[in-house]
Amino acid sequence: MKIGARPTDEQILGAMVKYGRSYNSTAIIRNILATAEFGRFDDLNTSHVLYRLKKLERAGKVRRVNAPYNVHHFWEVV
């Protein structure tokens, strides 16, 4: 993957759906996107994934769920 490339919203949603848990943390979603199956976004920051997930939340495509830890954000596809 080209350095500096960023995943699309569809790739982020695909990563959330592919690993069929009811919810995923931001860090887990980032790690899924770093695999070869999703384009190997090796230099992707968790903060960028959080930024895109917040945009998707405003668009009504994902929502936050209660997290077992206060410092983690957990998400599910609507």
PDB file of N, CA and C in Angstrom:
ATOM      1  N   MET A   1       0.841  -1.175   0.000  1.00  0.00           N
ATOM      2  CA  MET A   1       0.000   0.000   0.000  1.00  0.00           C
ATOM      3  C   MET A   1       0.887   1.239   0.000  1.00  0.00           C
ATOM      4  N   LYS A   2       0.464   2.227  -0.687  1.00  0.00           N
ATOM      5  CA  LYS A   2       1.195   3.482  -0.789  1.00  0.00           C
ATOM      6  C   LYS A   2       1.277   4.163   0.579  1.00  0.00           C
ATOM      7  N   ILE A   3       2.435   4.734   0.878  1.00  0.00           N
ATOM      8  CA  ILE A   3       2.630   5.435   2.144  1.00  0.00           C
ATOM      9  C   ILE A   3       1.655   6.606   2.207  1.00  0.00           C
ATOM     10  N   GLY A   4       1.004   6.760   3.342  1.00  0.00           N
ATOM     11  CA  GLY A   4       0.070   7.859   3.532  1.00  0.00           C
ATOM     12  C   GLY A   4      -1.337   7.566   3.045  1.00  0.00           C
ATOM     13  N   ALA A   5      -1.580   6.394   2.461  1.00  0.00           N
ATOM     14  CA  ALA A   5      -2.922   6.050   1.991  1.00  0.00           C
ATOM     15  C   ALA A   5      -3.838   5.847   3.195  1.00  0.00           C
ATOM     16  N   ARG A   6      -5.089   6.215   3.033  1.00  0.00           N
ATOM     17  CA  ARG A   6      -6.071   6.101   4.102  1.00  0.00           C
ATOM     18  C   ARG A   6      -7.222   5.232   3.648  1.00  0.00           C
ATOM     19  N   PRO A   7      -7.813   4.464   4.567  1.00  0.00           N
ATOM     20  CA  PRO A   7      -8.942   3.612   4.196  1.00  0.00           C
ATOM     21  C   PRO A   7     -10.205   4.439   3.939  1.00  0.00           C
ATOM     22  N   THR A   8     -11.038   3.924   3.078  1.00  0.00           N
ATOM     23  CA  THR A   8     -12.321   4.578   2.814  1.00  0.00           C
ATOM     24  C   THR A   8     -13.309   4.190   3.908  1.00  0.00           C
ATOM     25  N   ASP A   9     -14.425   4.892   3.945  1.00  0.00           N
ATOM     26  CA  ASP A   9     -15.467   4.557   4.911  1.00  0.00           C
ATOM     27  C   ASP A   9     -15.980   3.140   4.677  1.00  0.00           C
ATOM     28  N   GLU A  10     -16.067   2.734   3.419  1.00  0.00           N
ATOM     29  CA  GLU A  10     -16.536   1.385   3.103  1.00  0.00           C
ATOM     30  C   GLU A  10     -15.572   0.323   3.629  1.00  0.00           C
ATOM     31  N   GLN A  11     -14.276   0.610   3.557  1.00  0.00           N
ATOM     32  CA  GLN A  11     -13.285  -0.334   4.084  1.00  0.00           C
ATOM     33  C   GLN A  11     -13.380  -0.426   5.605  1.00  0.00           C
ATOM     34  N   ILE A  12     -13.621   0.688   6.252  1.00  0.00           N
ATOM     35  CA  ILE A  12     -13.768   0.678   7.709  1.00  0.00           C
ATOM     36  C   ILE A  12     -15.007  -0.121   8.104  1.00  0.00           C
ATOM     37  N   LEU A  13     -16.123   0.134   7.438  1.00  0.00           N
ATOM     38  CA  LEU A  13     -17.347  -0.615   7.723  1.00  0.00           C
ATOM     39  C   LEU A  13     -17.160  -2.094   7.401  1.00  0.00           C
ATOM     40  N   GLY A  14     -16.455  -2.390   6.314  1.00  0.00           N
ATOM     41  CA  GLY A  14     -16.184  -3.775   5.941  1.00  0.00           C
ATOM     42  C   GLY A  14     -15.364  -4.500   6.987  1.00  0.00           C
ATOM     43  N   ALA A  15     -14.387  -3.805   7.563  1.00  0.00           N
ATOM     44  CA  ALA A  15     -13.565  -4.406   8.614  1.00  0.00           C
ATOM     45  C   ALA A  15     -14.402  -4.697   9.855  1.00  0.00           C
ATOM     46  N   MET A  16     -15.365  -3.829  10.145  1.00  0.00           N
ATOM     47  CA  MET A  16     -16.225  -4.038  11.305  1.00  0.00           C
ATOM     48  C   MET A  16     -17.169  -5.214  11.083  1.00  0.00           C
ATOM     49  N   VAL A  17     -17.672  -5.365   9.863  1.00  0.00           N
ATOM     50  CA  VAL A  17     -18.629  -6.430   9.564  1.00  0.00           C
ATOM     51  C   VAL A  17     -17.928  -7.771   9.399  1.00  0.00           C
ATOM     52  N   LYS A  18     -16.758  -7.766   8.803  1.00  0.00           N
ATOM     53  CA  LYS A  18     -16.027  -9.001   8.502  1.00  0.00           C
ATOM     54  C   LYS A  18     -15.753  -9.820   9.757  1.00  0.00           C
ATOM     55  N   TYR A  19     -15.331  -9.147  10.806  1.00  0.00           N
ATOM     56  CA  TYR A  19     -15.055  -9.826  12.061  1.00  0.00           C
ATOM     57  C   TYR A  19     -16.265  -9.633  12.956  1.00  0.00           C
ATOM     58  N   GLY A  20     -17.237 -10.523  12.818  1.00  0.00           N
ATOM     59  CA  GLY A  20     -18.602 -10.360  13.259  1.00  0.00           C
ATOM     60  C   GLY A  20     -18.892 -10.259  14.733  1.00  0.00           C
ATOM     61  N   ARG A  21     -18.109  -9.543  15.466  1.00  0.00           N
ATOM     62  CA  ARG A  21     -18.472  -9.262  16.851  1.00  0.00           C
ATOM     63  C   ARG A  21     -19.575  -8.219  16.858  1.00  0.00           C
ATOM     64  N   SER A  22     -20.289  -8.137  17.954  1.00  0.00           N
ATOM     65  CA  SER A  22     -21.339  -7.137  18.028  1.00  0.00           C
ATOM     66  C   SER A  22     -20.757  -5.729  18.134  1.00  0.00           C
ATOM     67  N   TYR A  23     -19.530  -5.635  18.602  1.00  0.00           N
ATOM     68  CA  TYR A  23     -18.870  -4.331  18.684  1.00  0.00           C
ATOM     69  C   TYR A  23     -17.361  -4.529  18.610  1.00  0.00           C
ATOM     70  N   ASN A  24     -16.665  -3.466  18.227  1.00  0.00           N
ATOM     71  CA  ASN A  24     -15.203  -3.489  18.141  1.00  0.00           C
ATOM     72  C   ASN A  24     -14.661  -2.178  18.698  1.00  0.00           C
ATOM     73  N   SER A  25     -13.473  -2.249  19.279  1.00  0.00           N
ATOM     74  CA  SER A  25     -12.839  -1.017  19.730  1.00  0.00           C
ATOM     75  C   SER A  25     -12.127  -0.361  18.549  1.00  0.00           C
ATOM     76  N   THR A  26     -11.836   0.912  18.705  1.00  0.00           N
ATOM     77  CA  THR A  26     -11.149   1.663  17.657  1.00  0.00           C
ATOM     78  C   THR A  26      -9.805   1.017  17.325  1.00  0.00           C
ATOM     79  N   ALA A  27      -9.065   0.583  18.329  1.00  0.00           N
ATOM     80  CA  ALA A  27      -7.744  -0.019  18.109  1.00  0.00           C
ATOM     81  C   ALA A  27      -7.850  -1.339  17.354  1.00  0.00           C
ATOM     82  N   ILE A  28      -8.859  -2.126  17.653  1.00  0.00           N
ATOM     83  CA  ILE A  28      -9.037  -3.395  16.948  1.00  0.00           C
ATOM     84  C   ILE A  28      -9.379  -3.149  15.489  1.00  0.00           C
ATOM     85  N   ILE A  29     -10.226  -2.167  15.222  1.00  0.00           N
ATOM     86  CA  ILE A  29     -10.577  -1.828  13.842  1.00  0.00           C
ATOM     87  C   ILE A  29      -9.319  -1.393  13.091  1.00  0.00           C
ATOM     88  N   ARG A  30      -8.472  -0.607  13.728  1.00  0.00           N
ATOM     89  CA  ARG A  30      -7.227  -0.167  13.102  1.00  0.00           C
ATOM     90  C   ARG A  30      -6.330  -1.361  12.791  1.00  0.00           C
ATOM     91  N   ASN A  31      -6.241  -2.310  13.711  1.00  0.00           N
ATOM     92  CA  ASN A  31      -5.402  -3.489  13.495  1.00  0.00           C
ATOM     93  C   ASN A  31      -5.941  -4.362  12.368  1.00  0.00           C
ATOM     94  N   ILE A  32      -7.252  -4.469  12.253  1.00  0.00           N
ATOM     95  CA  ILE A  32      -7.857  -5.226  11.152  1.00  0.00           C
ATOM     96  C   ILE A  32      -7.494  -4.574   9.819  1.00  0.00           C
ATOM     97  N   LEU A  33      -7.541  -3.247   9.770  1.00  0.00           N
ATOM     98  CA  LEU A  33      -7.215  -2.529   8.533  1.00  0.00           C
ATOM     99  C   LEU A  33      -5.730  -2.663   8.168  1.00  0.00           C
ATOM    100  N   ALA A  34      -4.891  -2.980   9.135  1.00  0.00           N
ATOM    101  CA  ALA A  34      -3.456  -3.137   8.864  1.00  0.00           C
ATOM    102  C   ALA A  34      -3.133  -4.496   8.259  1.00  0.00           C
ATOM    103  N   THR A  35      -4.095  -5.414   8.208  1.00  0.00           N
ATOM    104  CA  THR A  35      -3.843  -6.732   7.625  1.00  0.00           C
ATOM    105  C   THR A  35      -3.835  -6.640   6.100  1.00  0.00           C
ATOM    106  N   ALA A  36      -3.225  -7.628   5.475  1.00  0.00           N
ATOM    107  CA  ALA A  36      -3.135  -7.643   4.009  1.00  0.00           C
ATOM    108  C   ALA A  36      -4.513  -7.733   3.362  1.00  0.00           C
ATOM    109  N   GLU A  37      -5.448  -8.372   4.036  1.00  0.00           N
ATOM    110  CA  GLU A  37      -6.789  -8.543   3.484  1.00  0.00           C
ATOM    111  C   GLU A  37      -7.490  -7.209   3.226  1.00  0.00           C
ATOM    112  N   PHE A  38      -7.186  -6.206   4.022  1.00  0.00           N
ATOM    113  CA  PHE A  38      -7.841  -4.909   3.880  1.00  0.00           C
ATOM    114  C   PHE A  38      -6.935  -3.845   3.283  1.00  0.00           C
ATOM    115  N   GLY A  39      -5.842  -4.208   2.706  1.00  0.00           N
ATOM    116  CA  GLY A  39      -5.018  -3.234   2.005  1.00  0.00           C
ATOM    117  C   GLY A  39      -3.738  -2.859   2.709  1.00  0.00           C
ATOM    118  N   ARG A  40      -3.488  -3.421   3.861  1.00  0.00           N
ATOM    119  CA  ARG A  40      -2.234  -3.222   4.576  1.00  0.00           C
ATOM    120  C   ARG A  40      -1.919  -1.748   4.834  1.00  0.00           C
ATOM    121  N   PHE A  41      -2.780  -1.100   5.582  1.00  0.00           N
ATOM    122  CA  PHE A  41      -2.557   0.299   5.969  1.00  0.00           C
ATOM    123  C   PHE A  41      -1.625   0.318   7.173  1.00  0.00           C
ATOM    124  N   ASP A  42      -0.328   0.056   6.932  1.00  0.00           N
ATOM    125  CA  ASP A  42       0.644  -0.089   8.015  1.00  0.00           C
ATOM    126  C   ASP A  42       0.874   1.195   8.804  1.00  0.00           C
ATOM    127  N   ASP A  43       0.859   2.324   8.125  1.00  0.00           N
ATOM    128  CA  ASP A  43       1.166   3.583   8.807  1.00  0.00           C
ATOM    129  C   ASP A  43      -0.090   4.292   9.312  1.00  0.00           C
ATOM    130  N   LEU A  44      -1.188   3.592   9.384  1.00  0.00           N
ATOM    131  CA  LEU A  44      -2.458   4.165   9.817  1.00  0.00           C
ATOM    132  C   LEU A  44      -2.455   4.388  11.323  1.00  0.00           C
ATOM    133  N   ASN A  45      -2.880   5.565  11.746  1.00  0.00           N
ATOM    134  CA  ASN A  45      -2.967   5.892  13.168  1.00  0.00           C
ATOM    135  C   ASN A  45      -4.359   5.574  13.691  1.00  0.00           C
ATOM    136  N   THR A  46      -4.437   5.158  14.942  1.00  0.00           N
ATOM    137  CA  THR A  46      -5.728   4.907  15.577  1.00  0.00           C
ATOM    138  C   THR A  46      -6.540   6.193  15.634  1.00  0.00           C
ATOM    139  N   SER A  47      -5.881   7.330  15.782  1.00  0.00           N
ATOM    140  CA  SER A  47      -6.599   8.607  15.848  1.00  0.00           C
ATOM    141  C   SER A  47      -7.326   8.906  14.537  1.00  0.00           C
ATOM    142  N   HIS A  48      -6.755   8.510  13.404  1.00  0.00           N
ATOM    143  CA  HIS A  48      -7.435   8.728  12.128  1.00  0.00           C
ATOM    144  C   HIS A  48      -8.678   7.843  12.032  1.00  0.00           C
ATOM    145  N   VAL A  49      -8.576   6.603  12.498  1.00  0.00           N
ATOM    146  CA  VAL A  49      -9.729   5.701  12.489  1.00  0.00           C
ATOM    147  C   VAL A  49     -10.824   6.277  13.391  1.00  0.00           C
ATOM    148  N   LEU A  50     -10.450   6.793  14.564  1.00  0.00           N
ATOM    149  CA  LEU A  50     -11.419   7.415  15.467  1.00  0.00           C
ATOM    150  C   LEU A  50     -12.097   8.604  14.793  1.00  0.00           C
ATOM    151  N   TYR A  51     -11.335   9.421  14.094  1.00  0.00           N
ATOM    152  CA  TYR A  51     -11.876  10.569  13.368  1.00  0.00           C
ATOM    153  C   TYR A  51     -12.926  10.126  12.338  1.00  0.00           C
ATOM    154  N   ARG A  52     -12.591   9.092  11.554  1.00  0.00           N
ATOM    155  CA  ARG A  52     -13.530   8.599  10.530  1.00  0.00           C
ATOM    156  C   ARG A  52     -14.759   7.967  11.176  1.00  0.00           C
ATOM    157  N   LEU A  53     -14.575   7.247  12.288  1.00  0.00           N
ATOM    158  CA  LEU A  53     -15.720   6.637  12.969  1.00  0.00           C
ATOM    159  C   LEU A  53     -16.662   7.696  13.534  1.00  0.00           C
ATOM    160  N   LYS A  54     -16.117   8.798  14.021  1.00  0.00           N
ATOM    161  CA  LYS A  54     -16.970   9.888  14.500  1.00  0.00           C
ATOM    162  C   LYS A  54     -17.763  10.495  13.350  1.00  0.00           C
ATOM    163  N   LYS A  55     -17.142  10.612  12.170  1.00  0.00           N
ATOM    164  CA  LYS A  55     -17.860  11.094  10.979  1.00  0.00           C
ATOM    165  C   LYS A  55     -18.974  10.121  10.596  1.00  0.00           C
ATOM    166  N   LEU A  56     -18.664   8.819  10.629  1.00  0.00           N
ATOM    167  CA  LEU A  56     -19.668   7.803  10.319  1.00  0.00           C
ATOM    168  C   LEU A  56     -20.796   7.815  11.352  1.00  0.00           C
ATOM    169  N   GLU A  57     -20.466   8.137  12.595  1.00  0.00           N
ATOM    170  CA  GLU A  57     -21.488   8.230  13.636  1.00  0.00           C
ATOM    171  C   GLU A  57     -22.447   9.387  13.335  1.00  0.00           C
ATOM    172  N   ARG A  58     -21.910  10.524  12.923  1.00  0.00           N
ATOM    173  CA  ARG A  58     -22.764  11.665  12.569  1.00  0.00           C
ATOM    174  C   ARG A  58     -23.637  11.356  11.358  1.00  0.00           C
ATOM    175  N   ALA A  59     -23.126  10.504  10.465  1.00  0.00           N
ATOM    176  CA  ALA A  59     -23.890  10.111   9.281  1.00  0.00           C
ATOM    177  C   ALA A  59     -24.910   9.012   9.598  1.00  0.00           C
ATOM    178  N   GLY A  60     -24.857   8.462  10.816  1.00  0.00           N
ATOM    179  CA  GLY A  60     -25.822   7.450  11.223  1.00  0.00           C
ATOM    180  C   GLY A  60     -25.489   6.031  10.786  1.00  0.00           C
ATOM    181  N   LYS A  61     -24.229   5.772  10.428  1.00  0.00           N
ATOM    182  CA  LYS A  61     -23.842   4.440   9.955  1.00  0.00           C
ATOM    183  C   LYS A  61     -23.273   3.560  11.061  1.00  0.00           C
ATOM    184  N   VAL A  62     -22.702   4.160  12.094  1.00  0.00           N
ATOM    185  CA  VAL A  62     -22.198   3.422  13.243  1.00  0.00           C
ATOM    186  C   VAL A  62     -22.673   4.135  14.500  1.00  0.00           C
ATOM    187  N   ARG A  63     -22.568   3.440  15.622  1.00  0.00           N
ATOM    188  CA  ARG A  63     -22.879   4.087  16.894  1.00  0.00           C
ATOM    189  C   ARG A  63     -21.945   3.566  17.962  1.00  0.00           C
ATOM    190  N   ARG A  64     -21.748   4.398  18.983  1.00  0.00           N
ATOM    191  CA  ARG A  64     -20.915   3.993  20.118  1.00  0.00           C
ATOM    192  C   ARG A  64     -21.739   3.094  21.028  1.00  0.00           C
ATOM    193  N   VAL A  65     -21.076   2.147  21.617  1.00  0.00           N
ATOM    194  CA  VAL A  65     -21.724   1.287  22.606  1.00  0.00           C
ATOM    195  C   VAL A  65     -20.972   1.431  23.918  1.00  0.00           C
ATOM    196  N   ASN A  66     -21.624   1.064  24.994  1.00  0.00           N
ATOM    197  CA  ASN A  66     -20.983   1.158  26.300  1.00  0.00           C
ATOM    198  C   ASN A  66     -19.747   0.269  26.329  1.00  0.00           C
ATOM    199  N   ALA A  67     -18.659   0.842  26.767  1.00  0.00           N
ATOM    200  CA  ALA A  67     -17.388   0.133  26.805  1.00  0.00           C
ATOM    201  C   ALA A  67     -17.112  -0.377  28.208  1.00  0.00           C
ATOM    202  N   PRO A  68     -16.470  -1.537  28.307  1.00  0.00           N
ATOM    203  CA  PRO A  68     -16.094  -2.014  29.635  1.00  0.00           C
ATOM    204  C   PRO A  68     -15.005  -1.141  30.273  1.00  0.00           C
ATOM    205  N   TYR A  69     -14.323  -0.346  29.465  1.00  0.00           N
ATOM    206  CA  TYR A  69     -13.284   0.560  29.957  1.00  0.00           C
ATOM    207  C   TYR A  69     -13.630   1.967  29.516  1.00  0.00           C
ATOM    208  N   ASN A  70     -13.428   2.949  30.397  1.00  0.00           N
ATOM    209  CA  ASN A  70     -13.784   4.324  30.071  1.00  0.00           C
ATOM    210  C   ASN A  70     -12.912   4.942  28.999  1.00  0.00           C
ATOM    211  N   VAL A  71     -11.688   4.478  28.847  1.00  0.00           N
ATOM    212  CA  VAL A  71     -10.766   5.116  27.913  1.00  0.00           C
ATOM    213  C   VAL A  71     -10.886   4.575  26.487  1.00  0.00           C
ATOM    214  N   HIS A  72     -11.631   3.495  26.285  1.00  0.00           N
ATOM    215  CA  HIS A  72     -11.785   2.912  24.960  1.00  0.00           C
ATOM    216  C   HIS A  72     -13.126   3.315  24.356  1.00  0.00           C
ATOM    217  N   HIS A  73     -13.134   3.489  23.038  1.00  0.00           N
ATOM    218  CA  HIS A  73     -14.381   3.712  22.308  1.00  0.00           C
ATOM    219  C   HIS A  73     -14.731   2.414  21.611  1.00  0.00           C
ATOM    220  N   PHE A  74     -15.945   1.927  21.814  1.00  0.00           N
ATOM    221  CA  PHE A  74     -16.412   0.731  21.140  1.00  0.00           C
ATOM    222  C   PHE A  74     -17.519   1.116  20.175  1.00  0.00           C
ATOM    223  N   TRP A  75     -17.542   0.466  19.020  1.00  0.00           N
ATOM    224  CA  TRP A  75     -18.443   0.836  17.935  1.00  0.00           C
ATOM    225  C   TRP A  75     -19.169  -0.377  17.388  1.00  0.00           C
ATOM    226  N   GLU A  76     -20.374  -0.138  16.866  1.00  0.00           N
ATOM    227  CA  GLU A  76     -21.094  -1.178  16.145  1.00  0.00           C
ATOM    228  C   GLU A  76     -21.762  -0.546  14.930  1.00  0.00           C
ATOM    229  N   VAL A  77     -21.944  -1.375  13.905  1.00  0.00           N
ATOM    230  CA  VAL A  77     -22.595  -0.903  12.687  1.00  0.00           C
ATOM    231  C   VAL A  77     -24.089  -0.840  12.948  1.00  0.00           C
ATOM    232  N   VAL A  78     -24.710   0.234  12.503  1.00  0.00           N
ATOM    233  CA  VAL A  78     -26.163   0.398  12.690  1.00  0.00           C
ATOM    234  C   VAL A  78     -26.900  -0.369  11.628  1.00  0.00           C
TER     235      VAL A  78
END
